[in-house]
Amino acid sequence: MAKVELKKPIVDEISASIKDAQSVVLVDYRGLTVEQDTQLRKTLREAGVTYKVYKNTFMNFAFKGTDFEGLTQYLEGPSAIAVSADDATAPARILSEFAKTAESLEIKAGVVEGTVYDAKGIASIASIPSRDVLISRLLGSMQSPITNFARVMNQLAEKGGAGAAAAETTAAPAETQAAEETAAEAPAAE
């Protein structure tokens, strides 16, 4: 009974971390040097991703009855878990990028927004830009037509201003000529 009581806080910790998670990625971290592991943890932490090593049995208990239960089949060998509550693609993106330089890091599987993906699926998700990048691209594409419209309107205003000034200079001699003709007709009428 004492062993179960010791395990419960760890299982509760895992459960709490995955409760509101948008994504969870499992990795096999064997073969990473201390320097690589430190760099990986730093990169994940800066992106707001929690990264911890737990025993598979603890994760198995924590995953039961959740969207992450599909990961239990991948709980073999040493496993670490990367969890993100904010950016659904961050763990996959960062781990995949890091695995390019640290070949010993192996992505096992993951769950992104309730769907279980194997290693290939996680690699595909890793190619999706972050939410912030997607929003900035969207805003840029929305702003572009507005900017172009404003530029065209400005050019038309500049041309219209030059055209109006030219019209005034051509209108002035015509008005002068009409006034002269009217003045010439007036003495003849007397």
Protein backbone atom coordinates (compact mmCIF):
# COMPACT_ATOMS: atom_id res chain seq x y z
CA MET A 1 0.00 0.00 0.00
CA ALA A 2 2.87 2.36 0.68
CA LYS A 3 4.11 2.00 -2.91
CA VAL A 4 0.72 3.06 -4.31
CA GLU A 5 0.70 6.13 -2.05
CA LEU A 6 4.15 7.12 -3.33
CA LYS A 7 3.06 6.74 -6.96
CA LYS A 8 -0.19 8.70 -6.64
CA PRO A 9 1.38 12.20 -6.41
CA ILE A 10 3.45 11.55 -9.53
CA VAL A 11 0.45 10.22 -11.46
CA ASP A 12 -1.55 13.25 -10.27
CA GLU A 13 1.26 15.56 -11.47
CA ILE A 14 1.19 13.99 -14.93
CA SER A 15 -2.62 14.13 -15.00
CA ALA A 16 -2.58 17.81 -14.06
CA SER A 17 -0.03 18.64 -16.75
CA ILE A 18 -2.00 16.91 -19.53
CA LYS A 19 -5.45 18.01 -18.33
CA ASP A 20 -5.62 21.18 -20.46
CA ALA A 21 -2.90 20.21 -22.94
CA GLN A 22 -3.37 20.91 -26.63
CA SER A 23 -0.58 18.49 -27.46
CA VAL A 24 1.60 15.82 -25.87
CA VAL A 25 4.59 14.21 -27.58
CA LEU A 26 6.45 11.11 -26.35
CA VAL A 27 10.14 10.74 -27.10
CA ASP A 28 12.92 8.25 -26.44
CA TYR A 29 15.75 10.36 -25.08
CA ARG A 30 18.39 7.59 -24.83
CA GLY A 31 21.77 8.61 -26.15
CA LEU A 32 21.40 12.36 -25.60
CA THR A 33 24.43 13.97 -24.02
CA VAL A 34 23.96 16.12 -20.95
CA GLU A 35 24.67 19.18 -23.10
CA GLN A 36 22.07 18.17 -25.69
CA ASP A 37 19.48 17.42 -23.01
CA THR A 38 20.12 20.77 -21.34
CA GLN A 39 19.78 22.61 -24.66
CA LEU A 40 16.56 20.71 -25.52
CA ARG A 41 15.00 21.50 -22.14
CA LYS A 42 15.95 25.19 -22.50
CA THR A 43 14.46 25.43 -26.00
CA LEU A 44 11.24 23.73 -24.92
CA ARG A 45 10.95 25.86 -21.76
CA GLU A 46 11.38 29.09 -23.81
CA ALA A 47 8.48 27.95 -26.02
CA GLY A 48 6.26 27.28 -23.00
CA VAL A 49 6.51 23.49 -23.35
CA THR A 50 6.86 21.29 -20.27
CA TYR A 51 9.34 18.43 -20.70
CA LYS A 52 9.80 15.68 -18.11
CA VAL A 53 10.95 12.10 -17.81
CA TYR A 54 8.52 9.76 -16.05
CA LYS A 55 8.24 6.03 -15.64
CA ASN A 56 6.00 4.46 -18.26
CA THR A 57 3.73 2.93 -15.61
CA PHE A 58 3.04 6.37 -14.14
CA MET A 59 2.20 7.81 -17.56
CA ASN A 60 0.06 4.77 -18.31
CA PHE A 61 -2.06 5.41 -15.20
CA ALA A 62 -2.27 9.15 -15.96
CA PHE A 63 -3.32 8.59 -19.61
CA LYS A 64 -6.16 6.17 -18.78
CA GLY A 65 -9.58 7.64 -19.53
CA THR A 66 -8.18 10.72 -21.31
CA ASP A 67 -7.62 11.79 -24.92
CA PHE A 68 -4.03 10.64 -24.42
CA GLU A 69 -4.89 7.00 -23.73
CA GLY A 70 -3.84 6.12 -27.30
CA LEU A 71 -0.23 6.85 -26.30
CA THR A 72 -0.09 3.86 -23.93
CA GLN A 73 0.85 1.53 -26.80
CA TYR A 74 4.03 3.61 -27.33
CA LEU A 75 5.16 3.42 -23.70
CA GLU A 76 8.13 1.10 -24.16
CA GLY A 77 11.68 1.85 -23.18
CA PRO A 78 12.73 5.16 -21.65
CA SER A 79 10.15 7.87 -22.31
CA ALA A 80 10.01 11.59 -21.84
CA ILE A 81 6.92 13.68 -22.36
CA ALA A 82 6.63 17.17 -23.87
CA VAL A 83 3.37 18.98 -23.08
CA SER A 84 2.00 22.25 -24.43
CA ALA A 85 -1.18 23.91 -23.25
CA ASP A 86 -0.89 26.91 -25.59
CA ASP A 87 0.65 25.99 -28.95
CA ALA A 88 -0.54 22.68 -30.38
CA THR A 89 2.38 22.33 -32.79
CA ALA A 90 5.22 23.57 -30.55
CA PRO A 91 6.35 20.25 -29.03
CA ALA A 92 6.31 18.45 -32.39
CA ARG A 93 8.04 21.34 -34.16
CA ILE A 94 10.80 21.82 -31.57
CA LEU A 95 11.46 18.11 -31.01
CA SER A 96 11.57 17.38 -34.75
CA GLU A 97 13.95 20.27 -35.35
CA PHE A 98 16.15 19.16 -32.46
CA ALA A 99 16.15 15.54 -33.66
CA LYS A 100 17.83 16.71 -36.89
CA THR A 101 20.97 17.60 -34.94
CA ALA A 102 20.64 15.00 -32.16
CA GLU A 103 19.98 11.79 -34.04
CA SER A 104 19.63 9.78 -30.82
CA LEU A 105 16.40 11.64 -29.95
CA GLU A 106 13.54 9.53 -31.26
CA ILE A 107 9.96 10.76 -31.46
CA LYS A 108 7.62 7.90 -30.58
CA ALA A 109 4.15 9.39 -30.97
CA GLY A 110 1.93 12.21 -29.84
CA VAL A 111 -1.55 13.57 -29.41
CA VAL A 112 -2.45 16.90 -30.97
CA GLU A 113 -5.85 18.36 -30.15
CA GLY A 114 -7.28 14.95 -29.25
CA THR A 115 -5.91 12.94 -32.21
CA VAL A 116 -3.19 10.31 -31.78
CA TYR A 117 -0.34 10.44 -34.32
CA ASP A 118 2.60 8.11 -34.82
CA ALA A 119 6.14 9.40 -35.40
CA LYS A 120 5.45 10.16 -39.09
CA GLY A 121 2.27 12.05 -38.21
CA ILE A 122 4.12 14.12 -35.63
CA ALA A 123 6.78 14.89 -38.26
CA SER A 124 4.01 16.20 -40.54
CA ILE A 125 2.58 18.33 -37.75
CA ALA A 126 6.06 19.70 -37.08
CA SER A 127 6.00 21.34 -40.50
CA ILE A 128 2.97 23.46 -39.54
CA PRO A 129 4.04 26.96 -38.45
CA SER A 130 3.20 28.18 -34.97
CA ARG A 131 -0.11 29.87 -34.27
CA ASP A 132 1.58 33.28 -34.01
CA VAL A 133 3.25 32.85 -37.41
CA LEU A 134 -0.04 31.77 -38.99
CA ILE A 135 -1.87 34.77 -37.48
CA SER A 136 0.81 37.19 -38.68
CA ARG A 137 0.63 35.68 -42.18
CA LEU A 138 -3.15 36.01 -42.15
CA LEU A 139 -2.99 39.62 -40.99
CA GLY A 140 -0.32 40.36 -43.59
CA SER A 141 -2.47 38.93 -46.36
CA MET A 142 -5.49 40.88 -45.09
CA GLN A 143 -3.48 44.09 -44.78
CA SER A 144 -1.97 43.82 -48.24
CA PRO A 145 -5.17 44.61 -50.20
CA ILE A 146 -5.93 47.51 -47.85
CA THR A 147 -2.43 48.90 -48.29
CA ASN A 148 -2.66 48.52 -52.07
CA PHE A 149 -6.08 50.21 -52.08
CA ALA A 150 -4.73 53.11 -50.02
CA ARG A 151 -1.75 53.44 -52.36
CA VAL A 152 -4.02 53.53 -55.46
CA MET A 153 -6.34 56.08 -53.83
CA ASN A 154 -3.33 58.22 -52.94
CA GLN A 155 -2.06 58.05 -56.53
CA LEU A 156 -5.51 58.98 -57.84
CA ALA A 157 -5.67 61.91 -55.43
CA GLU A 158 -2.27 63.10 -56.59
CA LYS A 159 -3.29 62.78 -60.23
CA GLY A 160 -6.66 64.38 -59.50
CA GLY A 161 -4.93 67.29 -57.77
CA ALA A 162 -2.65 67.82 -60.77
CA GLY A 163 -5.58 67.33 -63.18
CA ALA A 164 -7.76 69.80 -61.27
CA ALA A 165 -4.99 72.40 -61.32
CA ALA A 166 -4.55 71.89 -65.06
CA ALA A 167 -8.32 72.20 -65.55
CA GLU A 168 -8.33 75.49 -63.64
CA THR A 169 -5.55 76.93 -65.79
CA THR A 170 -7.38 75.94 -68.99
CA ALA A 171 -10.70 77.13 -67.60
CA ALA A 172 -9.37 80.56 -66.71
CA PRO A 173 -8.59 81.60 -70.32
CA ALA A 174 -11.98 80.29 -71.46
CA GLU A 175 -13.76 82.32 -68.79
CA THR A 176 -11.73 85.36 -69.76
CA GLN A 177 -12.63 84.86 -73.40
CA ALA A 178 -16.36 84.47 -72.53
CA ALA A 179 -16.21 87.63 -70.45
CA GLU A 180 -14.56 89.51 -73.32
CA GLU A 181 -17.22 88.31 -75.76
CA THR A 182 -19.97 89.39 -73.38
CA ALA A 183 -18.36 92.80 -73.01
CA ALA A 184 -18.04 93.15 -76.77
CA GLU A 185 -21.74 92.33 -77.29
CA ALA A 186 -22.95 94.71 -74.60
CA PRO A 187 -22.00 98.00 -76.41
CA ALA A 188 -23.50 96.70 -79.63
CA ALA A 189 -26.85 96.17 -77.95
CA GLU A 190 -27.15 99.87 -77.07
